[in-house]
Amino acid sequence: MAQEKKLIVLSSGGTGGHMTPAQALGHDLLSRGFRVEVITDKRGMKYASMFEGMPMHVIQAGTLGSGLVGKIKGVGSLAIGIAQAHKLLRKLKPDVVVGFGGYPSFPGVFAAQKQKIPTVLHEQNAIIGKANAMLAHRANRIALSLPVVRGLDESDKVRSVVTGNPVRPEIAALYSEPYPNVKDDGPLNILIMGGSLGASVFSEVVPQTLGKLSAANKKRLRIVQQCREADIDMVRKAYKENNIEAELATFFEDVPDRLRACHLVIGRSGASTVAEVTTAGRPAIFVPYPHHKDQQQKMNADAVADVGGAWMMTESGFTQDALLARIENFLQNPQVLFRAAEKARTCGKPDAARKLGNLVTAIVSGWNE
């Protein structure tokens, strides 16, 4: 009788920023012969198509909202989720549970630690998130995307390993592909990514800015833009009125192909977005989400901008005039984009999923030194 394959459970949910690295690790583990299952929340289920061959289990999860009522509701949701995770893990009996940060990951990892199941945490950002911070002291290992992460105590640092932020195989494959040629009078392909929530600032600023270009430059543009559903008609109208070729959608399933074709990315700077853009070797204008208390997206953007692979613009500074000046410069001097693409690629880590997979495999094998 063949020995049953070892089981790894991934605990992740909420936004694509948490689900994408989980998916990348999941496929790496499947290729090694492990069984993989996923604990997620309702929001995470919209990414179910990415987890082929990995059964998904939905539990309740909630954030600790603002105000007393919000915090009470959040604690109640987490308590229910923890109870559900306990029951599920007793049934599944996994060999390792891997958490990817964010409150939706908390119940699965917390329950695993209570049941003495080995756990690995993955931290994407330059500042450890609240959920991971609460779980770190009991984790067997903490995988980091960056060499320096604020918020880790000394015992956490000793158990930390820098793996990078996993990207899906189709993105990792772009690392070795050349940057697409931009001729002086040829098309400029711009990919606008609003993050998993679809930032309205790009819908409000980008079409109006590009409409101010000369007629000749407008003809050179090929726009692919992710928009919120509430904004898409307004954005489509703006591009049509300015005779700018644009393809719009609330979500793109084929992001790797879109990245391959583009010359420039405009978007938020969540950890997964930055990992994918830099691994693909694409220059970017990053506009960090401004309302995180720890400014984690600004730190992500600065890490690439500081080496010349991107331009960081604050949301308040992301004006039509400021953006217009940059786009006109790119159209007139495409070599600027070529140089930035090479710098961006130096920040990419195409082997992050493999490194994280190596770490999980070592934990399964009993390594805990």
Protein backbone atom coordinates (compact mmCIF):
# COMPACT_ATOMS: atom_id res chain seq x y z
CA MET A 1 0.00 0.00 0.00
CA ALA A 2 1.43 3.36 -1.07
CA GLN A 3 2.23 5.84 1.67
CA GLU A 4 -0.24 8.74 1.77
CA LYS A 5 1.19 12.03 0.58
CA LYS A 6 1.99 14.68 3.19
CA LEU A 7 -0.62 17.44 3.51
CA ILE A 8 0.15 21.16 3.63
CA VAL A 9 -2.66 23.58 4.51
CA LEU A 10 -2.42 27.18 3.31
CA SER A 11 -4.27 29.76 5.42
CA SER A 12 -4.97 32.89 3.38
CA GLY A 13 -7.85 35.11 2.36
CA GLY A 14 -9.16 38.60 1.81
CA THR A 15 -7.42 40.23 -1.12
CA GLY A 16 -5.35 39.09 -4.07
CA GLY A 17 -2.26 40.38 -2.30
CA HIS A 18 -2.55 37.50 0.16
CA MET A 19 -4.02 34.90 -2.19
CA THR A 20 -1.48 35.24 -5.01
CA PRO A 21 1.61 34.17 -3.01
CA ALA A 22 -0.44 31.35 -1.47
CA GLN A 23 -1.33 30.13 -4.95
CA ALA A 24 2.31 30.32 -6.08
CA LEU A 25 3.47 28.26 -3.10
CA GLY A 26 0.60 25.82 -3.55
CA HIS A 27 1.61 24.99 -7.11
CA ASP A 28 5.24 24.58 -6.07
CA LEU A 29 4.22 22.14 -3.33
CA LEU A 30 1.97 20.18 -5.69
CA SER A 31 4.92 19.79 -8.06
CA ARG A 32 6.90 18.24 -5.16
CA GLY A 33 4.23 15.61 -4.55
CA PHE A 34 2.49 17.15 -1.54
CA ARG A 35 -1.26 17.39 -1.10
CA VAL A 36 -2.37 21.00 -0.63
CA GLU A 37 -5.61 22.35 0.80
CA VAL A 38 -6.62 25.95 1.53
CA ILE A 39 -8.42 27.62 4.43
CA THR A 40 -9.89 30.95 3.33
CA ASP A 41 -12.79 33.34 3.83
CA LYS A 42 -15.67 34.29 1.53
CA ARG A 43 -13.61 36.99 -0.18
CA GLY A 44 -10.83 34.53 -0.87
CA MET A 45 -13.21 32.24 -2.74
CA LYS A 46 -13.37 34.64 -5.68
CA TYR A 47 -9.81 33.48 -6.43
CA ALA A 48 -10.82 29.80 -6.41
CA SER A 49 -9.98 29.35 -10.10
CA MET A 50 -6.31 30.01 -9.25
CA PHE A 51 -6.19 27.03 -6.87
CA GLU A 52 -6.80 24.13 -9.22
CA GLY A 53 -6.06 20.84 -7.48
CA MET A 54 -6.21 22.46 -4.04
CA PRO A 55 -9.52 21.92 -2.18
CA MET A 56 -10.73 25.10 -0.47
CA HIS A 57 -12.51 25.40 2.88
CA VAL A 58 -14.36 28.59 3.86
CA ILE A 59 -14.39 29.76 7.47
CA GLN A 60 -15.53 32.99 9.06
CA ALA A 61 -13.03 35.80 9.46
CA GLY A 62 -13.22 39.49 10.22
CA THR A 63 -11.00 42.47 10.88
CA LEU A 64 -10.83 44.33 14.16
CA GLY A 65 -12.81 47.35 12.97
CA SER A 66 -12.76 50.86 14.37
CA GLY A 67 -14.75 51.74 17.45
CA LEU A 68 -15.94 49.50 20.26
CA VAL A 69 -18.75 47.89 18.23
CA GLY A 70 -16.44 47.17 15.30
CA LYS A 71 -13.85 45.57 17.56
CA ILE A 72 -16.46 43.43 19.33
CA LYS A 73 -17.83 42.21 15.98
CA GLY A 74 -14.32 41.51 14.73
CA VAL A 75 -13.37 39.49 17.80
CA GLY A 76 -16.64 37.55 17.52
CA SER A 77 -15.97 36.69 13.88
CA LEU A 78 -12.42 35.60 14.64
CA ALA A 79 -13.63 33.42 17.53
CA ILE A 80 -16.11 31.65 15.24
CA GLY A 81 -13.40 31.24 12.60
CA ILE A 82 -10.97 29.76 15.13
CA ALA A 83 -13.59 27.22 16.25
CA GLN A 84 -14.26 26.28 12.61
CA ALA A 85 -10.52 25.99 11.92
CA HIS A 86 -9.99 23.76 14.98
CA LYS A 87 -12.68 21.36 13.76
CA LEU A 88 -11.33 21.34 10.20
CA LEU A 89 -7.70 20.76 11.21
CA ARG A 90 -8.63 17.85 13.47
CA LYS A 91 -10.23 16.27 10.40
CA LEU A 92 -7.48 17.11 7.91
CA LYS A 93 -4.48 16.41 10.18
CA PRO A 94 -2.02 18.49 8.13
CA ASP A 95 1.74 18.18 8.48
CA VAL A 96 2.32 21.95 8.24
CA VAL A 97 0.08 25.03 8.10
CA VAL A 98 1.37 28.11 6.24
CA GLY A 99 -0.16 31.53 6.91
CA PHE A 100 0.04 34.52 4.57
CA GLY A 101 -0.90 37.40 6.85
CA GLY A 102 -4.09 39.39 7.16
CA TYR A 103 -6.90 38.60 9.57
CA PRO A 104 -8.44 35.90 7.32
CA SER A 105 -5.25 33.85 7.82
CA PHE A 106 -5.34 34.15 11.61
CA PRO A 107 -7.90 31.46 12.60
CA GLY A 108 -6.19 28.67 10.65
CA VAL A 109 -2.70 29.41 11.96
CA PHE A 110 -3.85 30.09 15.53
CA ALA A 111 -5.77 26.80 15.64
CA ALA A 112 -2.77 24.94 14.21
CA GLN A 113 -0.46 26.37 16.85
CA LYS A 114 -2.88 25.36 19.62
CA GLN A 115 -2.92 21.83 18.18
CA LYS A 116 0.92 21.75 18.03
CA ILE A 117 0.91 21.52 14.23
CA PRO A 118 4.08 23.12 12.78
CA THR A 119 3.43 26.55 11.27
CA VAL A 120 5.24 28.83 8.86
CA LEU A 121 4.30 32.49 8.40
CA HIS A 122 4.96 34.48 5.25
CA GLU A 123 5.32 38.25 5.65
CA GLN A 124 5.14 40.26 2.43
CA ASN A 125 5.79 43.78 3.65
CA ALA A 126 8.61 45.80 5.18
CA ILE A 127 6.58 46.08 8.41
CA ILE A 128 5.11 42.95 9.94
CA GLY A 129 1.30 42.93 9.82
CA LYS A 130 -0.87 42.72 12.92
CA ALA A 131 -2.05 39.15 12.34
CA ASN A 132 1.47 37.83 11.73
CA ALA A 133 2.80 39.81 14.70
CA MET A 134 0.33 38.06 17.00
CA LEU A 135 1.28 34.64 15.62
CA ALA A 136 5.04 35.07 15.15
CA HIS A 137 6.25 33.99 18.60
CA ARG A 138 4.69 30.50 18.17
CA ALA A 139 5.64 30.00 14.50
CA ASN A 140 8.35 27.47 13.63
CA ARG A 141 9.68 29.74 10.89
CA ILE A 142 8.90 33.19 9.48
CA ALA A 143 9.51 33.68 5.76
CA LEU A 144 10.27 37.27 4.75
CA SER A 145 9.96 39.00 1.40
CA LEU A 146 12.56 41.61 2.31
CA PRO A 147 15.88 41.46 4.18
CA VAL A 148 14.77 44.05 6.74
CA VAL A 149 11.31 43.86 8.30
CA ARG A 150 10.29 46.16 11.13
CA GLY A 151 8.32 44.84 14.10
CA LEU A 152 10.13 41.53 14.58
CA ASP A 153 11.65 40.92 18.01
CA GLU A 154 15.04 39.23 18.37
CA SER A 155 13.63 35.71 18.78
CA ASP A 156 11.50 36.23 15.65
CA LYS A 157 14.55 37.36 13.67
CA VAL A 158 16.46 34.21 14.63
CA ARG A 159 13.65 32.07 13.16
CA SER A 160 13.30 34.18 10.01
CA VAL A 161 14.39 33.26 6.48
CA VAL A 162 14.38 35.63 3.48
CA THR A 163 12.56 33.89 0.62
CA GLY A 164 11.09 36.79 -1.35
CA ASN A 165 7.41 37.14 -2.22
CA PRO A 166 6.19 34.19 -4.33
CA VAL A 167 4.73 34.96 -7.75
CA ARG A 168 2.84 32.55 -9.98
CA PRO A 169 4.93 30.54 -12.46
CA GLU A 170 3.63 32.51 -15.46
CA ILE A 171 5.00 35.71 -13.88
CA ALA A 172 8.30 34.10 -12.86
CA ALA A 173 8.80 33.06 -16.50
CA LEU A 174 8.80 36.74 -17.54
CA TYR A 175 11.99 37.38 -15.59
CA SER A 176 14.13 35.94 -18.39
CA GLU A 177 12.21 37.59 -21.23
CA PRO A 178 13.43 40.83 -22.82
CA TYR A 179 11.71 44.16 -22.32
CA PRO A 180 9.48 44.86 -25.37
CA ASN A 181 10.91 47.35 -27.83
CA VAL A 182 9.59 50.92 -27.82
CA LYS A 183 10.25 52.78 -31.05
CA ASP A 184 10.43 56.57 -31.08
CA ASP A 185 7.15 56.78 -32.97
CA GLY A 186 5.74 53.36 -32.05
CA PRO A 187 3.02 52.25 -29.63
CA LEU A 188 3.39 52.71 -25.87
CA ASN A 189 1.49 50.04 -23.95
CA ILE A 190 0.40 51.12 -20.46
CA LEU A 191 -1.10 48.73 -17.91
CA ILE A 192 -3.05 50.41 -15.09
CA MET A 193 -3.62 48.18 -12.08
CA GLY A 194 -5.88 49.47 -9.32
CA GLY A 195 -5.14 46.76 -6.81
CA SER A 196 -7.67 44.15 -5.71
CA LEU A 197 -10.09 46.91 -4.68
CA GLY A 198 -9.74 48.97 -7.87
CA ALA A 199 -8.50 52.44 -6.87
CA SER A 200 -10.70 55.30 -8.07
CA VAL A 201 -7.78 57.72 -8.25
CA PHE A 202 -6.58 56.08 -11.47
CA SER A 203 -10.03 56.35 -13.03
CA GLU A 204 -10.19 60.02 -12.12
CA VAL A 205 -6.68 61.10 -13.11
CA VAL A 206 -5.29 58.89 -15.88
CA PRO A 207 -7.89 59.24 -18.69
CA GLN A 208 -8.12 63.01 -18.26
CA THR A 209 -4.33 63.31 -18.24
CA LEU A 210 -3.83 61.26 -21.39
CA GLY A 211 -6.53 63.33 -23.06
CA LYS A 212 -4.21 66.34 -22.83
CA LEU A 213 -1.56 64.75 -25.05
CA SER A 214 -1.14 65.78 -28.67
CA ALA A 215 -3.24 63.93 -31.24
CA ALA A 216 -0.12 62.15 -32.52
CA ASN A 217 0.82 60.92 -29.06
CA LYS A 218 -2.73 59.79 -28.29
CA LYS A 219 -2.56 57.53 -31.34
CA ARG A 220 0.54 55.86 -29.91
CA LEU A 221 -1.17 54.81 -26.68
CA ARG A 222 -2.51 51.32 -25.99
CA ILE A 223 -4.21 51.34 -22.59
CA VAL A 224 -5.27 48.35 -20.50
CA GLN A 225 -6.94 49.50 -17.29
CA GLN A 226 -8.52 47.79 -14.32
CA CYS A 227 -11.43 49.85 -12.98
CA ARG A 228 -14.04 49.60 -10.30
CA GLU A 229 -17.42 48.66 -11.72
CA ALA A 230 -18.80 52.03 -10.60
CA ASP A 231 -16.14 53.86 -12.66
CA ILE A 232 -15.90 51.81 -15.83
CA ASP A 233 -18.53 53.65 -17.92
CA MET A 234 -17.04 57.04 -17.02
CA VAL A 235 -13.54 55.89 -17.92
CA ARG A 236 -14.64 54.29 -21.19
CA LYS A 237 -16.38 57.52 -22.21
CA ALA A 238 -13.29 59.61 -21.43
CA TYR A 239 -11.02 57.44 -23.57
CA LYS A 240 -13.52 57.31 -26.42
CA GLU A 241 -13.92 61.10 -26.48
CA ASN A 242 -10.14 61.45 -26.77
CA ASN A 243 -9.72 58.74 -29.44
CA ILE A 244 -7.44 56.69 -27.18
CA GLU A 245 -7.38 52.92 -27.65
CA ALA A 246 -8.30 51.36 -24.31
CA GLU A 247 -9.40 47.99 -22.96
CA LEU A 248 -11.15 48.13 -19.58
CA ALA A 249 -12.23 45.48 -17.08
CA THR A 250 -12.94 45.15 -13.38
CA PHE A 251 -10.58 42.16 -13.21
CA PHE A 252 -8.07 40.62 -15.61
CA GLU A 253 -7.56 36.86 -15.46
CA ASP A 254 -4.51 37.06 -17.75
CA VAL A 255 -2.26 39.46 -15.83
CA PRO A 256 0.94 37.64 -16.92
CA ASP A 257 0.09 38.24 -20.59
CA ARG A 258 -0.79 41.86 -19.86
CA LEU A 259 2.52 42.39 -18.10
CA ARG A 260 4.41 40.74 -20.95
CA ALA A 261 2.90 43.17 -23.47
CA CYS A 262 3.19 46.41 -21.49
CA HIS A 263 5.97 48.98 -21.43
CA LEU A 264 4.83 50.77 -18.26
CA VAL A 265 2.70 49.93 -15.23
CA ILE A 266 0.73 52.49 -13.24
CA GLY A 267 -0.65 51.13 -9.99
CA ARG A 268 -0.75 50.74 -6.24
CA SER A 269 2.28 49.27 -4.52
CA GLY A 270 0.96 46.37 -2.51
CA ALA A 271 3.61 43.73 -1.92
CA SER A 272 2.25 41.26 -4.47
CA THR A 273 1.88 43.92 -7.17
CA VAL A 274 5.46 45.09 -6.62
CA ALA A 275 6.72 41.49 -6.65
CA GLU A 276 4.98 40.73 -9.94
CA VAL A 277 5.97 43.98 -11.66
CA THR A 278 9.63 43.73 -10.68
CA THR A 279 9.89 40.03 -11.52
CA ALA A 280 8.48 40.86 -14.95
CA GLY A 281 11.07 43.64 -15.24
CA ARG A 282 8.59 46.41 -15.95
CA PRO A 283 9.08 50.05 -14.93
CA ALA A 284 6.24 51.50 -12.93
CA ILE A 285 4.66 54.61 -11.54
CA PHE A 286 3.60 53.53 -8.06
CA VAL A 287 0.94 55.47 -6.16
CA PRO A 288 0.86 53.96 -2.65
CA TYR A 289 -2.42 53.54 -0.81
CA PRO A 290 -2.26 56.51 1.57
CA HIS A 291 -4.38 55.32 4.49
CA HIS A 292 -2.24 52.55 6.01
CA LYS A 293 -0.98 53.80 9.36
CA ASP A 294 2.40 52.16 8.82
CA GLN A 295 2.68 53.37 5.19
CA GLN A 296 3.65 49.86 4.08
CA GLN A 297 2.88 50.53 0.41
CA LYS A 298 5.09 53.62 0.38
CA MET A 299 7.96 51.56 1.74
CA ASN A 300 7.35 48.90 -0.94
CA ALA A 301 7.41 51.56 -3.67
CA ASP A 302 10.46 53.32 -2.26
CA ALA A 303 12.45 50.07 -2.32
CA VAL A 304 12.11 49.95 -6.13
CA ALA A 305 12.24 53.69 -6.75
CA ASP A 306 15.47 54.01 -4.78
CA VAL A 307 17.30 51.76 -7.28
CA GLY A 308 15.77 53.52 -10.30
CA GLY A 309 13.19 50.88 -11.24
CA ALA A 310 10.09 52.96 -10.55
CA TRP A 311 8.75 56.40 -9.80
CA MET A 312 6.84 56.86 -6.54
CA MET A 313 4.08 59.48 -6.54
CA THR A 314 1.96 60.17 -3.48
CA GLU A 315 -1.78 60.18 -4.09
CA SER A 316 -1.95 63.92 -3.33
CA GLY A 317 0.88 64.48 -5.82
CA PHE A 318 -0.66 62.25 -8.48
CA THR A 319 -2.11 65.18 -10.41
CA GLN A 320 -2.86 65.55 -14.10
CA ASP A 321 0.03 67.97 -14.61
CA ALA A 322 2.56 65.80 -12.78
CA LEU A 323 1.52 62.64 -14.59
CA LEU A 324 1.39 64.40 -17.96
CA ALA A 325 5.00 65.54 -17.59
CA ARG A 326 6.14 61.97 -16.94
CA ILE A 327 4.16 60.41 -19.81
CA GLU A 328 5.37 63.04 -22.29
CA ASN A 329 8.95 62.34 -21.20
CA PHE A 330 8.49 58.59 -21.76
CA LEU A 331 7.00 59.17 -25.21
CA GLN A 332 9.86 61.47 -26.20
CA ASN A 333 12.63 59.47 -24.49
CA PRO A 334 11.73 55.77 -24.41
CA GLN A 335 15.28 54.90 -23.37
CA VAL A 336 14.25 56.11 -19.89
CA LEU A 337 11.85 53.16 -19.72
CA PHE A 338 14.50 50.70 -20.91
CA ARG A 339 16.88 51.78 -18.15
CA ALA A 340 14.18 51.62 -15.48
CA ALA A 341 13.12 48.16 -16.67
CA GLU A 342 16.62 46.81 -16.04
CA LYS A 343 16.69 48.38 -12.58
CA ALA A 344 13.24 46.99 -11.75
CA ARG A 345 14.35 43.49 -12.70
CA THR A 346 17.14 43.64 -10.10
CA CYS A 347 14.41 43.80 -7.43
CA GLY A 348 12.56 40.76 -8.79
CA LYS A 349 12.78 37.33 -7.13
CA PRO A 350 11.49 34.73 -9.60
CA ASP A 351 12.56 31.84 -7.36
CA ALA A 352 10.67 32.97 -4.23
CA ALA A 353 8.04 30.21 -4.47
CA ARG A 354 10.79 27.59 -4.74
CA LYS A 355 12.63 29.02 -1.72
CA LEU A 356 9.46 29.09 0.37
CA GLY A 357 8.68 25.56 -0.83
CA ASN A 358 12.15 24.46 0.30
CA LEU A 359 11.47 25.92 3.75
CA VAL A 360 8.12 24.15 4.09
CA THR A 361 9.66 20.88 2.88
CA ALA A 362 12.37 21.20 5.52
CA ILE A 363 9.78 21.72 8.27
CA VAL A 364 7.86 18.64 7.08
CA SER A 365 11.12 16.69 7.28
CA GLY A 366 11.54 17.70 10.91
CA TRP A 367 14.08 20.52 10.52
CA ASN A 368 13.67 23.01 13.34
CA GLU A 369 17.19 24.06 14.17
